[in-house]
Amino acid sequence: MFRLFLLTILLYFLILTSCKKKFTAEELNNTYAPAIVLIKHSYLYKIKLGSEEYYFKDYDKESGETSQLLSKDSAYKNPNVAWGTGFFIDPDGKILTCKHVVDIKPTAEDEKKILANLRKQYLGKQEELTSEKTKIEEEYSAINSYVSNYYSYLSYTDIAKYNLKKEELKERYDNINLLLSLIEIVQRERDNPDNYVAKTSLQFGIFLNGHSYDDLNDYIVCKSTKISTDDNVDLAVIETSDKKTPEKIKPVDFTRISQIEKEKISLNEKVYMIGFNDGIVIAQTTSGTTQSINSQLTEGKVSQSSDENKIMYTIPALPGSSGSPIFDEYGRIVAVNFAGRINSQSFNYGIQPMKIKTFLGK
């Protein structure tokens, strides 16, 4: 019995010692970097007015003013692209990241402002737009007449120049027609309760760390499966379409997160981040003719006494690093990077371990 007791004590100290093994930066990167992924999210905003749908890229949260409304075909040529970081957390293709990388939809208050501003923005502009439309028709006709009359005297360069000008005029003409039809719809549907504003994703997926690629459409398709409803917890879970983590990838270990929760993070403690600063821009590396995607490891120290939601550290970070795991020297998850101080790259925030644990249900 006594020997069993001694064996138990010895085993406990062996486990404790292994949990307290310090990693070098290189060891930490070699262990966890393969599980880190670059997230690509291409999206637009969509507005429905009656039976018609229009698309736009941006809006002002204060005024509700939108960028130009476009048809689906026109808008899809140039969507917004958001980059973020995530990391595999289990063998079933689940990836932890930040909510704001995944869920970029307008709030109910945003929707109300956008619809109200739309009525204000477009009503009363028919006369101005109709006048501009007439001028375009006249300029287009004049170019056609000139080219027809002097065709034999014009060089190929001149003809190409006039054809390009006609294409530009046609694009403006089509946009005006779109706006005129939109004004008519806004007037007709201004009080329709079924009008709405939403976000629509065009592409949503991940690139594996170290992935070689020919173009940036060669990604693993994903979908979001869980989004935090707590405003203080900027977390989301996404999942690969086949619900599988690639065989050679070992998910990030969460088994010791309770230790961090109990021990707390000390001021000035060294911490590391593995992620994709500035998205694809810095991630792209070239070796000969091969292009690949690689994360970066950066380090800093805990710089402020932590509150119940977040910790602050001096790790340099850029947009694109949202969703990056933050490790201590023992390879334990201590936070998920989610925000930085405005006008500073060296003061950034991570979500506390207990909030991560609660969100994941572990």
Protein backbone atom coordinates (compact mmCIF):
# COMPACT_ATOMS: atom_id res chain seq x y z
CA MET A 1 0.00 0.00 0.00
CA PHE A 2 2.84 2.34 0.97
CA ARG A 3 4.67 1.53 -2.29
CA LEU A 4 1.50 2.38 -4.24
CA PHE A 5 1.31 5.69 -2.36
CA LEU A 6 4.94 6.49 -3.22
CA LEU A 7 4.33 5.54 -6.84
CA THR A 8 1.31 7.88 -6.97
CA ILE A 9 3.33 10.74 -5.50
CA LEU A 10 6.16 10.11 -7.96
CA LEU A 11 3.76 10.02 -10.89
CA TYR A 12 2.19 13.29 -9.74
CA PHE A 13 5.57 15.02 -9.63
CA LEU A 14 6.53 13.60 -13.02
CA ILE A 15 3.33 15.00 -14.54
CA LEU A 16 3.86 18.32 -12.77
CA THR A 17 7.46 18.48 -14.03
CA SER A 18 6.43 17.67 -17.61
CA CYS A 19 3.73 20.36 -17.44
CA LYS A 20 6.37 22.84 -16.29
CA LYS A 21 8.85 22.09 -19.08
CA LYS A 22 9.86 25.35 -20.70
CA PHE A 23 9.80 25.66 -24.48
CA THR A 24 12.28 27.63 -26.51
CA ALA A 25 10.66 29.88 -29.13
CA GLU A 26 11.74 27.43 -31.84
CA GLU A 27 10.30 24.41 -29.98
CA LEU A 28 7.04 26.24 -29.42
CA ASN A 29 6.79 27.17 -33.09
CA ASN A 30 7.67 23.66 -34.28
CA THR A 31 5.06 22.14 -31.95
CA TYR A 32 2.09 24.41 -32.63
CA ALA A 33 2.61 26.30 -35.91
CA PRO A 34 1.23 23.42 -38.08
CA ALA A 35 -2.16 23.80 -36.32
CA ILE A 36 -2.38 27.54 -37.09
CA VAL A 37 -4.37 28.51 -40.21
CA LEU A 38 -4.88 31.65 -42.28
CA ILE A 39 -8.57 32.51 -42.72
CA LYS A 40 -9.87 34.21 -45.87
CA HIS A 41 -13.34 35.74 -45.79
CA SER A 42 -14.63 37.52 -48.93
CA TYR A 43 -17.95 39.25 -48.38
CA LEU A 44 -20.35 42.03 -49.37
CA TYR A 45 -23.36 43.67 -47.80
CA LYS A 46 -26.75 43.03 -49.37
CA ILE A 47 -29.87 45.16 -49.18
CA LYS A 48 -33.30 43.86 -50.13
CA LEU A 49 -35.97 46.34 -51.22
CA GLY A 50 -39.23 44.64 -52.06
CA SER A 51 -38.31 41.91 -54.52
CA GLU A 52 -35.04 43.56 -55.61
CA GLU A 53 -31.55 42.97 -54.18
CA TYR A 54 -28.54 45.30 -54.32
CA TYR A 55 -25.01 45.02 -52.98
CA PHE A 56 -22.49 47.42 -51.44
CA LYS A 57 -19.04 47.22 -49.84
CA ASP A 58 -19.06 49.63 -46.91
CA TYR A 59 -21.24 51.77 -44.72
CA ASP A 60 -20.82 54.43 -42.04
CA LYS A 61 -21.97 53.12 -38.65
CA GLU A 62 -22.83 56.61 -37.43
CA SER A 63 -24.87 57.92 -40.38
CA GLY A 64 -25.86 54.69 -42.13
CA GLU A 65 -24.57 56.05 -45.45
CA THR A 66 -23.50 53.26 -47.80
CA SER A 67 -21.06 53.08 -50.65
CA GLN A 68 -22.64 52.87 -54.10
CA LEU A 69 -25.32 50.21 -54.49
CA LEU A 70 -24.50 47.78 -57.28
CA SER A 71 -26.03 44.83 -59.07
CA LYS A 72 -24.85 41.38 -58.02
CA ASP A 73 -22.66 40.89 -61.11
CA SER A 74 -20.91 44.25 -60.67
CA ALA A 75 -20.42 43.91 -56.91
CA TYR A 76 -19.05 40.36 -57.07
CA LYS A 77 -16.11 41.55 -59.15
CA ASN A 78 -14.65 43.47 -56.19
CA PRO A 79 -15.74 42.18 -52.76
CA ASN A 80 -14.28 42.99 -49.34
CA VAL A 81 -11.62 40.54 -48.17
CA ALA A 82 -10.97 40.04 -44.45
CA TRP A 83 -7.98 38.00 -43.26
CA GLY A 84 -7.69 36.39 -39.85
CA THR A 85 -5.98 33.63 -37.90
CA GLY A 86 -7.41 30.48 -36.37
CA PHE A 87 -6.16 27.18 -34.99
CA PHE A 88 -7.36 23.57 -34.94
CA ILE A 89 -8.72 22.53 -31.54
CA ASP A 90 -9.86 18.93 -32.16
CA PRO A 91 -9.61 16.11 -34.73
CA ASP A 92 -13.03 16.99 -36.20
CA GLY A 93 -11.98 20.01 -38.23
CA LYS A 94 -13.01 22.63 -35.64
CA ILE A 95 -11.02 25.86 -35.59
CA LEU A 96 -11.11 28.57 -32.93
CA THR A 97 -10.91 32.18 -34.14
CA CYS A 98 -12.39 35.62 -33.43
CA LYS A 99 -16.03 36.50 -33.90
CA HIS A 100 -15.21 39.68 -35.84
CA VAL A 101 -13.34 37.64 -38.49
CA VAL A 102 -16.43 35.50 -39.11
CA ASP A 103 -19.48 37.54 -38.18
CA ILE A 104 -19.29 40.90 -39.98
CA LYS A 105 -23.03 41.42 -40.37
CA PRO A 106 -24.70 44.77 -39.60
CA THR A 107 -26.46 45.09 -36.25
CA ALA A 108 -30.20 45.79 -36.02
CA GLU A 109 -29.34 49.44 -35.29
CA ASP A 110 -27.03 49.58 -38.33
CA GLU A 111 -29.81 48.15 -40.50
CA LYS A 112 -32.26 50.79 -39.32
CA LYS A 113 -29.79 53.61 -40.06
CA ILE A 114 -28.91 52.23 -43.52
CA LEU A 115 -32.55 51.94 -44.61
CA ALA A 116 -33.36 55.42 -43.27
CA ASN A 117 -30.33 56.96 -44.96
CA LEU A 118 -31.17 55.25 -48.24
CA ARG A 119 -34.49 57.07 -48.46
CA LYS A 120 -32.75 60.35 -47.66
CA GLN A 121 -29.80 59.70 -50.00
CA TYR A 122 -31.66 58.90 -53.21
CA LEU A 123 -35.00 60.69 -53.10
CA GLY A 124 -35.10 63.89 -55.20
CA LYS A 125 -32.14 62.97 -57.43
CA GLN A 126 -34.08 61.85 -60.51
CA GLU A 127 -33.69 65.17 -62.32
CA GLU A 128 -29.92 65.38 -61.76
CA LEU A 129 -29.36 61.77 -62.86
CA THR A 130 -31.64 62.06 -65.91
CA SER A 131 -29.72 65.16 -67.04
CA GLU A 132 -26.39 63.32 -66.68
CA LYS A 133 -27.82 60.35 -68.59
CA THR A 134 -28.75 62.65 -71.51
CA LYS A 135 -25.23 64.12 -71.60
CA ILE A 136 -23.72 60.63 -71.75
CA GLU A 137 -26.03 59.67 -74.63
CA GLU A 138 -24.98 62.80 -76.53
CA GLU A 139 -21.24 62.19 -75.92
CA TYR A 140 -21.55 58.53 -76.94
CA SER A 141 -23.38 59.48 -80.13
CA ALA A 142 -20.77 62.15 -80.95
CA ILE A 143 -17.92 59.62 -80.64
CA ASN A 144 -19.75 57.16 -82.90
CA SER A 145 -20.35 59.86 -85.49
CA TYR A 146 -16.74 61.12 -85.41
CA VAL A 147 -15.23 57.61 -85.72
CA SER A 148 -17.63 56.75 -88.55
CA ASN A 149 -16.81 59.92 -90.52
CA TYR A 150 -13.03 59.82 -90.04
CA TYR A 151 -12.39 56.08 -89.68
CA SER A 152 -9.96 55.88 -92.62
CA TYR A 153 -7.84 58.70 -91.12
CA LEU A 154 -7.63 57.24 -87.61
CA SER A 155 -4.81 55.02 -86.34
CA TYR A 156 -5.43 51.77 -84.45
CA THR A 157 -4.34 53.58 -81.29
CA ASP A 158 -6.94 56.33 -81.84
CA ILE A 159 -9.72 53.79 -82.47
CA ALA A 160 -8.73 51.83 -79.34
CA LYS A 161 -8.81 55.06 -77.34
CA TYR A 162 -12.33 55.94 -78.54
CA ASN A 163 -13.56 52.39 -77.89
CA LEU A 164 -12.23 52.59 -74.33
CA LYS A 165 -13.99 55.92 -73.85
CA LYS A 166 -17.25 54.37 -75.10
CA GLU A 167 -16.87 51.52 -72.60
CA GLU A 168 -16.40 54.02 -69.76
CA LEU A 169 -19.47 55.96 -70.88
CA LYS A 170 -21.52 52.77 -71.10
CA GLU A 171 -20.51 51.77 -67.57
CA ARG A 172 -21.56 55.19 -66.24
CA TYR A 173 -24.80 54.99 -68.23
CA ASP A 174 -25.62 51.56 -66.78
CA ASN A 175 -24.89 52.76 -63.25
CA ILE A 176 -27.23 55.73 -63.71
CA ASN A 177 -29.98 53.46 -64.99
CA LEU A 178 -29.44 51.29 -61.93
CA LEU A 179 -29.72 54.32 -59.64
CA LEU A 180 -32.87 55.57 -61.38
CA SER A 181 -34.53 52.18 -61.00
CA LEU A 182 -33.32 52.09 -57.41
CA ILE A 183 -34.89 55.48 -56.65
CA GLU A 184 -38.18 54.23 -58.05
CA ILE A 185 -37.96 51.13 -55.85
CA VAL A 186 -36.98 53.16 -52.74
CA GLN A 187 -40.01 55.39 -53.23
CA ARG A 188 -42.30 52.43 -53.76
CA GLU A 189 -40.89 50.20 -51.00
CA ARG A 190 -39.94 52.83 -48.42
CA ASP A 191 -42.31 51.47 -45.78
CA ASN A 192 -42.07 47.77 -46.64
CA PRO A 193 -41.41 45.87 -43.37
CA ASP A 194 -39.73 43.04 -45.28
CA ASN A 195 -36.81 45.22 -46.40
CA TYR A 196 -33.53 44.17 -44.77
CA VAL A 197 -29.74 44.57 -44.80
CA ALA A 198 -27.42 41.58 -44.39
CA LYS A 199 -23.88 40.34 -44.97
CA THR A 200 -23.31 37.73 -47.67
CA SER A 201 -20.13 35.61 -47.83
CA LEU A 202 -18.63 34.89 -51.25
CA GLN A 203 -15.63 32.87 -50.12
CA PHE A 204 -14.92 31.52 -46.66
CA GLY A 205 -12.12 29.12 -45.89
CA ILE A 206 -8.60 28.47 -44.63
CA PHE A 207 -5.05 28.02 -45.88
CA LEU A 208 -2.88 25.57 -43.97
CA ASN A 209 0.39 26.81 -42.52
CA GLY A 210 3.25 26.08 -44.92
CA HIS A 211 0.76 25.58 -47.76
CA SER A 212 2.17 26.02 -51.29
CA TYR A 213 -0.21 27.62 -53.75
CA ASP A 214 -0.61 28.88 -57.30
CA ASP A 215 -3.52 31.23 -56.57
CA LEU A 216 -5.50 32.37 -53.56
CA ASN A 217 -8.64 30.45 -54.50
CA ASP A 218 -6.97 27.18 -53.52
CA TYR A 219 -8.35 27.05 -49.97
CA ILE A 220 -10.23 24.60 -47.71
CA VAL A 221 -13.91 25.59 -47.54
CA CYS A 222 -15.29 26.20 -44.04
CA LYS A 223 -18.49 27.30 -42.34
CA SER A 224 -19.10 28.94 -38.96
CA THR A 225 -20.66 26.65 -36.36
CA LYS A 226 -20.58 28.64 -33.12
CA ILE A 227 -20.46 32.39 -32.46
CA SER A 228 -20.22 34.02 -29.03
CA THR A 229 -23.27 35.93 -27.86
CA ASP A 230 -21.26 37.69 -25.14
CA ASP A 231 -20.08 41.15 -26.27
CA ASN A 232 -16.96 40.72 -24.12
CA VAL A 233 -15.97 37.41 -25.73
CA ASP A 234 -14.82 37.90 -29.32
CA LEU A 235 -14.74 34.20 -30.21
CA ALA A 236 -16.15 31.90 -32.87
CA VAL A 237 -15.69 28.33 -34.03
CA ILE A 238 -15.53 27.42 -37.70
CA GLU A 239 -15.39 23.95 -39.20
CA THR A 240 -13.93 22.41 -42.35
CA SER A 241 -16.55 21.19 -44.83
CA ASP A 242 -15.49 17.55 -44.39
CA LYS A 243 -15.36 17.89 -40.57
CA LYS A 244 -11.82 16.53 -40.48
CA THR A 245 -8.53 17.94 -39.26
CA PRO A 246 -5.75 16.96 -41.69
CA GLU A 247 -4.05 13.79 -40.43
CA LYS A 248 -0.57 15.24 -39.93
CA ILE A 249 -1.84 18.19 -37.88
CA LYS A 250 -1.91 17.92 -34.10
CA PRO A 251 -4.63 20.22 -32.63
CA VAL A 252 -3.54 22.79 -30.03
CA ASP A 253 -3.64 21.26 -26.54
CA PHE A 254 -6.34 22.70 -24.25
CA THR A 255 -6.00 20.12 -21.48
CA ARG A 256 -3.94 22.45 -19.27
CA ILE A 257 -6.11 25.55 -19.63
CA SER A 258 -7.52 24.96 -16.12
CA GLN A 259 -4.00 25.36 -14.68
CA ILE A 260 -3.76 28.82 -16.22
CA GLU A 261 -7.22 29.65 -14.92
CA LYS A 262 -6.15 28.78 -11.37
CA GLU A 263 -2.59 30.15 -11.43
CA LYS A 264 -3.49 33.41 -13.21
CA ILE A 265 -1.11 35.26 -15.51
CA SER A 266 1.69 37.18 -13.81
CA LEU A 267 2.61 40.74 -14.69
CA ASN A 268 5.74 40.80 -16.91
CA GLU A 269 5.40 37.09 -17.75
CA LYS A 270 6.80 36.21 -21.17
CA VAL A 271 4.18 35.21 -23.78
CA TYR A 272 4.28 34.21 -27.46
CA MET A 273 1.87 34.60 -30.37
CA ILE A 274 1.78 32.47 -33.51
CA GLY A 275 -0.38 34.02 -36.22
CA PHE A 276 -0.68 35.83 -39.52
CA ASN A 277 0.11 39.51 -39.08
CA ASP A 278 -1.26 41.60 -41.94
CA GLY A 279 -2.99 38.54 -43.41
CA ILE A 280 -1.66 37.30 -46.72
CA VAL A 281 0.72 40.26 -47.20
CA ILE A 282 3.43 39.08 -44.79
CA ALA A 283 2.44 35.41 -44.91
CA GLN A 284 3.57 34.99 -48.54
CA THR A 285 7.09 33.61 -48.82
CA THR A 286 8.96 32.58 -51.96
CA SER A 287 11.54 29.86 -52.50
CA GLY A 288 12.62 29.61 -56.13
CA THR A 289 9.38 29.42 -58.11
CA THR A 290 7.31 28.15 -55.17
CA GLN A 291 5.09 30.44 -53.12
CA SER A 292 3.91 29.35 -49.71
CA ILE A 293 2.06 30.71 -46.69
CA ASN A 294 3.83 30.86 -43.33
CA SER A 295 2.87 32.24 -39.93
CA GLN A 296 5.04 34.41 -37.71
CA LEU A 297 6.05 33.95 -34.08
CA THR A 298 6.29 37.12 -32.01
CA GLU A 299 6.86 37.57 -28.29
CA GLY A 300 6.29 40.07 -25.54
CA LYS A 301 5.33 40.33 -21.89
CA VAL A 302 2.11 40.72 -19.95
CA SER A 303 1.93 44.47 -19.41
CA GLN A 304 -1.16 45.05 -17.28
CA SER A 305 -2.93 43.34 -14.41
CA SER A 306 -5.59 41.24 -16.10
CA ASP A 307 -9.32 41.80 -15.71
CA GLU A 308 -11.97 39.09 -15.96
CA ASN A 309 -12.32 39.40 -19.75
CA LYS A 310 -8.91 40.19 -21.22
CA ILE A 311 -5.17 40.44 -20.71
CA MET A 312 -2.84 43.03 -22.23
CA TYR A 313 0.64 42.21 -23.55
CA THR A 314 3.41 43.89 -25.50
CA ILE A 315 3.40 41.46 -28.42
CA PRO A 316 3.60 43.41 -31.72
CA ALA A 317 0.56 42.58 -33.87
CA LEU A 318 -1.14 43.79 -37.05
CA PRO A 319 -4.63 43.23 -38.49
CA GLY A 320 -4.88 39.60 -39.60
CA SER A 321 -3.55 38.31 -36.28
CA SER A 322 -7.04 38.26 -34.72
CA GLY A 323 -7.70 34.70 -33.57
CA SER A 324 -4.02 33.87 -32.93
CA PRO A 325 -3.27 31.67 -29.90
CA ILE A 326 -1.14 33.21 -27.14
CA PHE A 327 1.16 30.76 -25.31
CA ASP A 328 3.22 30.97 -22.13
CA GLU A 329 6.75 29.55 -21.88
CA TYR A 330 5.33 26.14 -20.98
CA GLY A 331 3.31 25.82 -24.18
CA ARG A 332 -0.03 26.48 -22.49
CA ILE A 333 -2.79 28.55 -24.08
CA VAL A 334 -3.14 31.74 -22.05
CA ALA A 335 -5.29 33.83 -24.42
CA VAL A 336 -6.66 34.34 -27.94
CA ASN A 337 -5.55 37.59 -29.56
CA PHE A 338 -8.48 39.81 -30.55
CA ALA A 339 -7.68 43.54 -30.50
CA GLY A 340 -4.97 46.17 -30.32
CA ARG A 341 -4.65 49.72 -29.13
CA ILE A 342 -5.31 52.32 -31.85
CA ASN A 343 -2.07 53.83 -33.24
CA SER A 344 0.02 51.18 -31.48
CA GLN A 345 1.27 47.79 -32.65
CA SER A 346 2.81 46.91 -29.28
CA PHE A 347 -0.16 46.89 -26.90
CA ASN A 348 -2.62 44.16 -27.72
CA TYR A 349 -5.39 42.27 -25.95
CA GLY A 350 -6.20 38.60 -25.59
CA ILE A 351 -9.31 36.83 -24.28
CA GLN A 352 -8.90 35.28 -20.84
CA PRO A 353 -8.58 31.47 -20.45
CA MET A 354 -11.75 31.12 -18.34
CA LYS A 355 -13.76 32.90 -21.06
CA ILE A 356 -12.30 30.57 -23.71
CA LYS A 357 -13.10 27.56 -21.56
CA THR A 358 -16.69 28.68 -20.95
CA PHE A 359 -17.25 29.45 -24.65
CA LEU A 360 -15.95 26.05 -25.76
CA GLY A 361 -17.91 24.24 -23.07
CA LYS A 362 -14.79 22.53 -21.72
